[in-house]
């Protein structure tokens, strides 16, 4: 058997006060948030530099608000956009350019603010530095005269400068090994050929009339004769 207890709600219900307090706090927080949002400014613009006597965009320049530890950077066209508040100090920074700091005006009546910021080159003069292998010319002369040239190096130099070797090298350039520059050029040519025919089958010289012409010329010159 269940018993029901009748409860009468009077005008001064005790449980209603906490609810009213919570609602009042929420309304006050919403009002303060609206006031804060009213101070936010959409700050945007372009960053340029006067390098080489003409205006040029500054890509990837840093735009920061040091007091609030946040910021952004410009794109490859120099454009940027960031949310700030009235009175914030905005710092523009980029390697090779002098940093610039501006203040967002307090007299703004709109929620948007745009500028074109100009940055100048930062000239840094380094002291002159002369690098020498020896402390002085006198020390270099002494060490050079004391240098021991081994007989093996002398023999190689004599062979490379022999008249017979130089005559053969002039007649048959292929017998001379590649130097540093020639090796680099050969490597770059190989790389360029791979890039040109990437994803494709390289052409075969068997179908090249130029290659056949070179083959017949070499055959007539006797380059394929056994020695």
C-alpha atoms as a PDB file:
ATOM      1  CA  UNK A   1       0.000   0.000   0.000  1.00  0.00           C
ATOM      2  CA  UNK A   2       1.453   3.346  -1.093  1.00  0.00           C
ATOM      3  CA  UNK A   3       0.968   6.624   0.701  1.00  0.00           C
ATOM      4  CA  UNK A   4       1.084   9.916  -1.157  1.00  0.00           C
ATOM      5  CA  UNK A   5       2.215  13.062   0.582  1.00  0.00           C
ATOM      6  CA  UNK A   6       0.685  16.317  -0.551  1.00  0.00           C
ATOM      7  CA  UNK A   7       3.226  19.139  -1.031  1.00  0.00           C
ATOM      8  CA  UNK A   8       2.159  22.763  -1.178  1.00  0.00           C
ATOM      9  CA  UNK A   9       4.384  25.175  -3.160  1.00  0.00           C
ATOM     10  CA  UNK A  10       4.378  28.635  -1.671  1.00  0.00           C
ATOM     11  CA  UNK A  11       5.619  31.804  -3.302  1.00  0.00           C
ATOM     12  CA  UNK A  12       8.965  31.654  -1.475  1.00  0.00           C
ATOM     13  CA  UNK A  13      10.041  28.208  -2.687  1.00  0.00           C
ATOM     14  CA  UNK A  14      13.609  27.661  -1.375  1.00  0.00           C
ATOM     15  CA  UNK A  15      14.808  25.605  -4.405  1.00  0.00           C
ATOM     16  CA  UNK A  16      14.055  28.445  -6.818  1.00  0.00           C
ATOM     17  CA  UNK A  17      16.853  30.747  -5.593  1.00  0.00           C
ATOM     18  CA  UNK A  18      19.809  28.644  -6.884  1.00  0.00           C
ATOM     19  CA  UNK A  19      18.163  28.415 -10.309  1.00  0.00           C
ATOM     20  CA  UNK A  20      17.683  32.180 -10.469  1.00  0.00           C
ATOM     21  CA  UNK A  21      21.317  32.700  -9.435  1.00  0.00           C
ATOM     22  CA  UNK A  22      22.583  30.384 -12.204  1.00  0.00           C
ATOM     23  CA  UNK A  23      20.435  32.142 -14.810  1.00  0.00           C
ATOM     24  CA  UNK A  24      21.707  35.526 -13.675  1.00  0.00           C
ATOM     25  CA  UNK A  25      25.334  34.355 -13.958  1.00  0.00           C
ATOM     26  CA  UNK A  26      24.727  32.997 -17.461  1.00  0.00           C
ATOM     27  CA  UNK A  27      23.119  36.246 -18.585  1.00  0.00           C
ATOM     28  CA  UNK A  28      25.974  38.304 -17.169  1.00  0.00           C
ATOM     29  CA  UNK A  29      28.566  36.034 -18.833  1.00  0.00           C
ATOM     30  CA  UNK A  30      26.776  36.332 -22.177  1.00  0.00           C
ATOM     31  CA  UNK A  31      26.650  40.096 -21.852  1.00  0.00           C
ATOM     32  CA  UNK A  32      30.363  40.303 -21.032  1.00  0.00           C
ATOM     33  CA  UNK A  33      31.168  37.987 -23.949  1.00  0.00           C
ATOM     34  CA  UNK A  34      29.183  40.203 -26.290  1.00  0.00           C
ATOM     35  CA  UNK A  35      31.114  43.214 -24.985  1.00  0.00           C
ATOM     36  CA  UNK A  36      34.420  41.428 -25.591  1.00  0.00           C
ATOM     37  CA  UNK A  37      33.416  40.386 -29.089  1.00  0.00           C
ATOM     38  CA  UNK A  38      32.569  43.962 -29.877  1.00  0.00           C
ATOM     39  CA  UNK A  39      36.261  44.849 -29.303  1.00  0.00           C
ATOM     40  CA  UNK A  40      37.608  42.255 -31.762  1.00  0.00           C
ATOM     41  CA  UNK A  41      39.020  43.633 -35.013  1.00  0.00           C
ATOM     42  CA  UNK A  42      39.681  41.704 -38.227  1.00  0.00           C
ATOM     43  CA  UNK A  43      43.150  43.036 -39.054  1.00  0.00           C
ATOM     44  CA  UNK A  44      44.345  42.317 -42.603  1.00  0.00           C
ATOM     45  CA  UNK A  45      46.593  43.810 -45.253  1.00  0.00           C
ATOM     46  CA  UNK A  46      49.615  43.405 -47.488  1.00  0.00           C
ATOM     47  CA  UNK A  47      53.322  43.365 -46.642  1.00  0.00           C
ATOM     48  CA  UNK A  48      55.707  44.922 -49.180  1.00  0.00           C
ATOM     49  CA  UNK A  49      59.385  45.774 -49.395  1.00  0.00           C
ATOM     50  CA  UNK A  50      61.194  48.355 -51.499  1.00  0.00           C
ATOM     51  CA  UNK A  51      64.059  46.060 -52.510  1.00  0.00           C
ATOM     52  CA  UNK A  52      65.919  46.940 -55.711  1.00  0.00           C
ATOM     53  CA  UNK A  53      64.025  50.207 -56.075  1.00  0.00           C
ATOM     54  CA  UNK A  54      60.579  48.673 -56.604  1.00  0.00           C
ATOM     55  CA  UNK A  55      57.774  47.350 -54.440  1.00  0.00           C
ATOM     56  CA  UNK A  56      57.671  43.591 -54.053  1.00  0.00           C
ATOM     57  CA  UNK A  57      55.488  41.404 -51.802  1.00  0.00           C
ATOM     58  CA  UNK A  58      57.097  39.803 -48.764  1.00  0.00           C
ATOM     59  CA  UNK A  59      56.047  36.140 -48.598  1.00  0.00           C
ATOM     60  CA  UNK A  60      55.921  34.254 -45.291  1.00  0.00           C
ATOM     61  CA  UNK A  61      56.570  37.284 -43.101  1.00  0.00           C
ATOM     62  CA  UNK A  62      55.693  36.749 -39.427  1.00  0.00           C
ATOM     63  CA  UNK A  63      52.861  38.879 -38.013  1.00  0.00           C
ATOM     64  CA  UNK A  64      52.595  38.380 -34.260  1.00  0.00           C
ATOM     65  CA  UNK A  65      51.135  39.865 -31.099  1.00  0.00           C
ATOM     66  CA  UNK A  66      53.933  39.337 -28.558  1.00  0.00           C
ATOM     67  CA  UNK A  67      51.797  40.215 -25.531  1.00  0.00           C
ATOM     68  CA  UNK A  68      49.296  37.452 -26.337  1.00  0.00           C
ATOM     69  CA  UNK A  69      51.749  34.898 -27.787  1.00  0.00           C
ATOM     70  CA  UNK A  70      49.892  34.323 -31.035  1.00  0.00           C
ATOM     71  CA  UNK A  71      50.228  35.371 -34.632  1.00  0.00           C
ATOM     72  CA  UNK A  72      50.174  34.376 -38.274  1.00  0.00           C
ATOM     73  CA  UNK A  73      52.246  34.764 -41.443  1.00  0.00           C
ATOM     74  CA  UNK A  74      51.736  36.249 -44.884  1.00  0.00           C
ATOM     75  CA  UNK A  75      51.172  34.101 -47.961  1.00  0.00           C
ATOM     76  CA  UNK A  76      53.292  34.124 -51.129  1.00  0.00           C
ATOM     77  CA  UNK A  77      51.522  37.323 -52.258  1.00  0.00           C
ATOM     78  CA  UNK A  78      52.237  39.137 -48.989  1.00  0.00           C
ATOM     79  CA  UNK A  79      48.609  38.998 -47.754  1.00  0.00           C
ATOM     80  CA  UNK A  80      47.796  38.343 -44.092  1.00  0.00           C
ATOM     81  CA  UNK A  81      44.766  38.367 -41.796  1.00  0.00           C
ATOM     82  CA  UNK A  82      44.540  38.078 -38.012  1.00  0.00           C
ATOM     83  CA  UNK A  83      42.055  38.910 -35.242  1.00  0.00           C
ATOM     84  CA  UNK A  84      43.255  41.644 -32.869  1.00  0.00           C
ATOM     85  CA  UNK A  85      41.854  44.030 -30.282  1.00  0.00           C
ATOM     86  CA  UNK A  86      42.032  47.788 -30.035  1.00  0.00           C
ATOM     87  CA  UNK A  87      45.387  48.906 -28.682  1.00  0.00           C
ATOM     88  CA  UNK A  88      47.232  45.683 -29.541  1.00  0.00           C
ATOM     89  CA  UNK A  89      50.843  45.998 -30.664  1.00  0.00           C
ATOM     90  CA  UNK A  90      51.413  43.996 -33.859  1.00  0.00           C
ATOM     91  CA  UNK A  91      54.971  43.088 -34.879  1.00  0.00           C
ATOM     92  CA  UNK A  92      56.080  42.382 -38.464  1.00  0.00           C
ATOM     93  CA  UNK A  93      59.254  40.359 -38.825  1.00  0.00           C
ATOM     94  CA  UNK A  94      61.104  38.739 -41.728  1.00  0.00           C
ATOM     95  CA  UNK A  95      64.682  37.564 -42.249  1.00  0.00           C
ATOM     96  CA  UNK A  96      66.738  40.229 -43.987  1.00  0.00           C
ATOM     97  CA  UNK A  97      64.247  43.023 -43.251  1.00  0.00           C
ATOM     98  CA  UNK A  98      64.013  45.442 -40.358  1.00  0.00           C
ATOM     99  CA  UNK A  99      61.234  44.527 -37.881  1.00  0.00           C
ATOM    100  CA  UNK A 100      58.275  46.898 -37.635  1.00  0.00           C
ATOM    101  CA  UNK A 101      55.851  47.302 -34.721  1.00  0.00           C
ATOM    102  CA  UNK A 102      52.528  49.133 -35.049  1.00  0.00           C
ATOM    103  CA  UNK A 103      49.620  49.758 -32.660  1.00  0.00           C
ATOM    104  CA  UNK A 104      46.006  49.099 -33.567  1.00  0.00           C
ATOM    105  CA  UNK A 105      44.178  52.452 -33.137  1.00  0.00           C
ATOM    106  CA  UNK A 106      41.769  52.837 -30.230  1.00  0.00           C
ATOM    107  CA  UNK A 107      39.517  55.112 -32.270  1.00  0.00           C
ATOM    108  CA  UNK A 108      38.259  52.458 -34.672  1.00  0.00           C
ATOM    109  CA  UNK A 109      34.511  52.454 -35.179  1.00  0.00           C
ATOM    110  CA  UNK A 110      34.349  49.330 -37.343  1.00  0.00           C
ATOM    111  CA  UNK A 111      35.354  45.731 -36.740  1.00  0.00           C
ATOM    112  CA  UNK A 112      37.749  45.704 -39.706  1.00  0.00           C
ATOM    113  CA  UNK A 113      41.103  47.382 -40.222  1.00  0.00           C
ATOM    114  CA  UNK A 114      43.353  47.094 -43.293  1.00  0.00           C
ATOM    115  CA  UNK A 115      46.818  48.462 -44.006  1.00  0.00           C
ATOM    116  CA  UNK A 116      49.698  48.167 -46.471  1.00  0.00           C
ATOM    117  CA  UNK A 117      52.860  47.665 -44.410  1.00  0.00           C
ATOM    118  CA  UNK A 118      56.217  48.588 -45.930  1.00  0.00           C
ATOM    119  CA  UNK A 119      59.396  46.890 -44.679  1.00  0.00           C
ATOM    120  CA  UNK A 120      62.936  47.999 -45.521  1.00  0.00           C
ATOM    121  CA  UNK A 121      66.060  45.919 -45.911  1.00  0.00           C
ATOM    122  CA  UNK A 122      68.143  45.326 -42.818  1.00  0.00           C
ATOM    123  CA  UNK A 123      71.764  46.093 -43.728  1.00  0.00           C
ATOM    124  CA  UNK A 124      74.322  44.274 -41.630  1.00  0.00           C
ATOM    125  CA  UNK A 125      77.979  45.169 -42.157  1.00  0.00           C
ATOM    126  CA  UNK A 126      80.396  42.474 -41.079  1.00  0.00           C
ATOM    127  CA  UNK A 127      84.025  43.299 -40.294  1.00  0.00           C
ATOM    128  CA  UNK A 128      86.547  42.450 -42.973  1.00  0.00           C
ATOM    129  CA  UNK A 129      88.078  39.014 -42.563  1.00  0.00           C
ATOM    130  CA  UNK A 130      91.115  37.774 -44.502  1.00  0.00           C
ATOM    131  CA  UNK A 131      91.708  34.015 -44.437  1.00  0.00           C
ATOM    132  CA  UNK A 132      95.277  32.871 -45.061  1.00  0.00           C
ATOM    133  CA  UNK A 133      96.744  29.363 -44.833  1.00  0.00           C
ATOM    134  CA  UNK A 134      99.781  30.727 -42.994  1.00  0.00           C
ATOM    135  CA  UNK A 135     100.244  33.569 -40.509  1.00  0.00           C
ATOM    136  CA  UNK A 136     102.260  35.612 -43.031  1.00  0.00           C
ATOM    137  CA  UNK A 137     103.856  35.451 -46.481  1.00  0.00           C
ATOM    138  CA  UNK A 138     107.249  34.792 -44.893  1.00  0.00           C
ATOM    139  CA  UNK A 139     105.944  31.682 -43.131  1.00  0.00           C
ATOM    140  CA  UNK A 140     104.365  30.472 -46.369  1.00  0.00           C
ATOM    141  CA  UNK A 141     107.648  30.909 -48.228  1.00  0.00           C
ATOM    142  CA  UNK A 142     109.548  28.940 -45.592  1.00  0.00           C
ATOM    143  CA  UNK A 143     107.018  26.061 -45.570  1.00  0.00           C
ATOM    144  CA  UNK A 144     106.813  25.985 -49.371  1.00  0.00           C
ATOM    145  CA  UNK A 145     110.570  25.693 -49.728  1.00  0.00           C
ATOM    146  CA  UNK A 146     110.662  22.950 -47.103  1.00  0.00           C
ATOM    147  CA  UNK A 147     107.957  20.938 -48.904  1.00  0.00           C
ATOM    148  CA  UNK A 148     109.191  17.466 -49.914  1.00  0.00           C
ATOM    149  CA  UNK A 149     108.119  16.418 -53.426  1.00  0.00           C
ATOM    150  CA  UNK A 150     108.445  12.650 -53.576  1.00  0.00           C
ATOM    151  CA  UNK A 151     109.986  10.914 -56.624  1.00  0.00           C
ATOM    152  CA  UNK A 152     106.613   9.277 -57.344  1.00  0.00           C
ATOM    153  CA  UNK A 153     104.924  12.639 -57.869  1.00  0.00           C
ATOM    154  CA  UNK A 154     107.801  13.784 -60.042  1.00  0.00           C
ATOM    155  CA  UNK A 155     107.495  10.636 -62.158  1.00  0.00           C
ATOM    156  CA  UNK A 156     103.744  11.146 -62.689  1.00  0.00           C
ATOM    157  CA  UNK A 157     104.229  14.777 -63.625  1.00  0.00           C
ATOM    158  CA  UNK A 158     106.944  13.836 -66.120  1.00  0.00           C
ATOM    159  CA  UNK A 159     104.724  11.168 -67.710  1.00  0.00           C
ATOM    160  CA  UNK A 160     101.759  13.510 -68.003  1.00  0.00           C
ATOM    161  CA  UNK A 161     103.921  16.165 -69.669  1.00  0.00           C
ATOM    162  CA  UNK A 162     105.804  13.813 -71.999  1.00  0.00           C
ATOM    163  CA  UNK A 163     105.617  14.753 -75.674  1.00  0.00           C
ATOM    164  CA  UNK A 164     104.502  11.251 -76.710  1.00  0.00           C
ATOM    165  CA  UNK A 165     101.621  11.233 -74.206  1.00  0.00           C
ATOM    166  CA  UNK A 166     100.470  14.725 -75.199  1.00  0.00           C
ATOM    167  CA  UNK A 167     100.569  13.785 -78.912  1.00  0.00           C
ATOM    168  CA  UNK A 168      98.467  10.647 -78.282  1.00  0.00           C
ATOM    169  CA  UNK A 169      96.031  12.689 -76.181  1.00  0.00           C
ATOM    170  CA  UNK A 170      95.561  15.162 -79.003  1.00  0.00           C
ATOM    171  CA  UNK A 171      94.861  12.362 -81.486  1.00  0.00           C
ATOM    172  CA  UNK A 172      92.634  10.296 -79.170  1.00  0.00           C
ATOM    173  CA  UNK A 173      90.858  12.556 -76.674  1.00  0.00           C
ATOM    174  CA  UNK A 174      88.923   9.547 -75.311  1.00  0.00           C
ATOM    175  CA  UNK A 175      92.086   8.196 -73.697  1.00  0.00           C
ATOM    176  CA  UNK A 176      92.313  11.209 -71.389  1.00  0.00           C
ATOM    177  CA  UNK A 177      90.324  10.659 -68.179  1.00  0.00           C
ATOM    178  CA  UNK A 178      87.563  13.092 -67.294  1.00  0.00           C
ATOM    179  CA  UNK A 179      88.366  16.016 -65.050  1.00  0.00           C
ATOM    180  CA  UNK A 180      86.088  17.385 -62.362  1.00  0.00           C
ATOM    181  CA  UNK A 181      84.197  19.757 -64.662  1.00  0.00           C
ATOM    182  CA  UNK A 182      83.784  17.130 -67.407  1.00  0.00           C
ATOM    183  CA  UNK A 183      82.512  14.557 -64.895  1.00  0.00           C
ATOM    184  CA  UNK A 184      79.976  17.055 -63.537  1.00  0.00           C
ATOM    185  CA  UNK A 185      78.776  17.924 -67.047  1.00  0.00           C
ATOM    186  CA  UNK A 186      78.399  14.247 -67.932  1.00  0.00           C
ATOM    187  CA  UNK A 187      76.397  13.599 -64.752  1.00  0.00           C
ATOM    188  CA  UNK A 188      74.111  16.572 -65.396  1.00  0.00           C
ATOM    189  CA  UNK A 189      73.488  15.421 -68.980  1.00  0.00           C
ATOM    190  CA  UNK A 190      72.527  11.982 -67.712  1.00  0.00           C
ATOM    191  CA  UNK A 191      70.165  13.495 -65.161  1.00  0.00           C
ATOM    192  CA  UNK A 192      68.542  15.767 -67.755  1.00  0.00           C
ATOM    193  CA  UNK A 193      67.956  12.783 -70.055  1.00  0.00           C
ATOM    194  CA  UNK A 194      66.224  10.909 -67.222  1.00  0.00           C
ATOM    195  CA  UNK A 195      64.029  13.921 -66.452  1.00  0.00           C
ATOM    196  CA  UNK A 196      63.068  14.396 -70.129  1.00  0.00           C
ATOM    197  CA  UNK A 197      62.063  10.768 -70.651  1.00  0.00           C
ATOM    198  CA  UNK A 198      60.644  10.158 -67.165  1.00  0.00           C
ATOM    199  CA  UNK A 199      57.711   7.775 -67.390  1.00  0.00           C
ATOM    200  CA  UNK A 200      58.490   7.060 -71.069  1.00  0.00           C
ATOM    201  CA  UNK A 201      60.685   4.664 -72.994  1.00  0.00           C
ATOM    202  CA  UNK A 202      63.886   6.420 -74.147  1.00  0.00           C
ATOM    203  CA  UNK A 203      64.429   6.358 -77.904  1.00  0.00           C
ATOM    204  CA  UNK A 204      66.788   3.689 -79.263  1.00  0.00           C
ATOM    205  CA  UNK A 205      69.777   4.789 -81.340  1.00  0.00           C
ATOM    206  CA  UNK A 206      69.211   1.886 -83.717  1.00  0.00           C
ATOM    207  CA  UNK A 207      66.469   3.973 -85.325  1.00  0.00           C
ATOM    208  CA  UNK A 208      68.522   7.172 -85.355  1.00  0.00           C
ATOM    209  CA  UNK A 209      69.967   8.177 -88.770  1.00  0.00           C
ATOM    210  CA  UNK A 210      72.514  10.371 -86.981  1.00  0.00           C
ATOM    211  CA  UNK A 211      73.808   7.411 -84.953  1.00  0.00           C
ATOM    212  CA  UNK A 212      74.064   5.296 -88.121  1.00  0.00           C
ATOM    213  CA  UNK A 213      76.001   8.099 -89.828  1.00  0.00           C
ATOM    214  CA  UNK A 214      78.464   8.266 -86.941  1.00  0.00           C
ATOM    215  CA  UNK A 215      78.845   4.480 -87.031  1.00  0.00           C
ATOM    216  CA  UNK A 216      79.664   4.400 -90.760  1.00  0.00           C
ATOM    217  CA  UNK A 217      82.112   7.296 -90.387  1.00  0.00           C
ATOM    218  CA  UNK A 218      83.931   5.534 -87.543  1.00  0.00           C
ATOM    219  CA  UNK A 219      84.005   2.347 -89.607  1.00  0.00           C
ATOM    220  CA  UNK A 220      85.587   4.130 -92.550  1.00  0.00           C
ATOM    221  CA  UNK A 221      88.130   5.808 -90.273  1.00  0.00           C
ATOM    222  CA  UNK A 222      89.208   2.387 -89.061  1.00  0.00           C
ATOM    223  CA  UNK A 223      88.318   2.849 -85.409  1.00  0.00           C
ATOM    224  CA  UNK A 224      86.973  -0.698 -85.159  1.00  0.00           C
ATOM    225  CA  UNK A 225      90.129  -2.389 -86.434  1.00  0.00           C
ATOM    226  CA  UNK A 226      91.915  -4.701 -84.052  1.00  0.00           C
ATOM    227  CA  UNK A 227      95.200  -3.342 -82.826  1.00  0.00           C
END
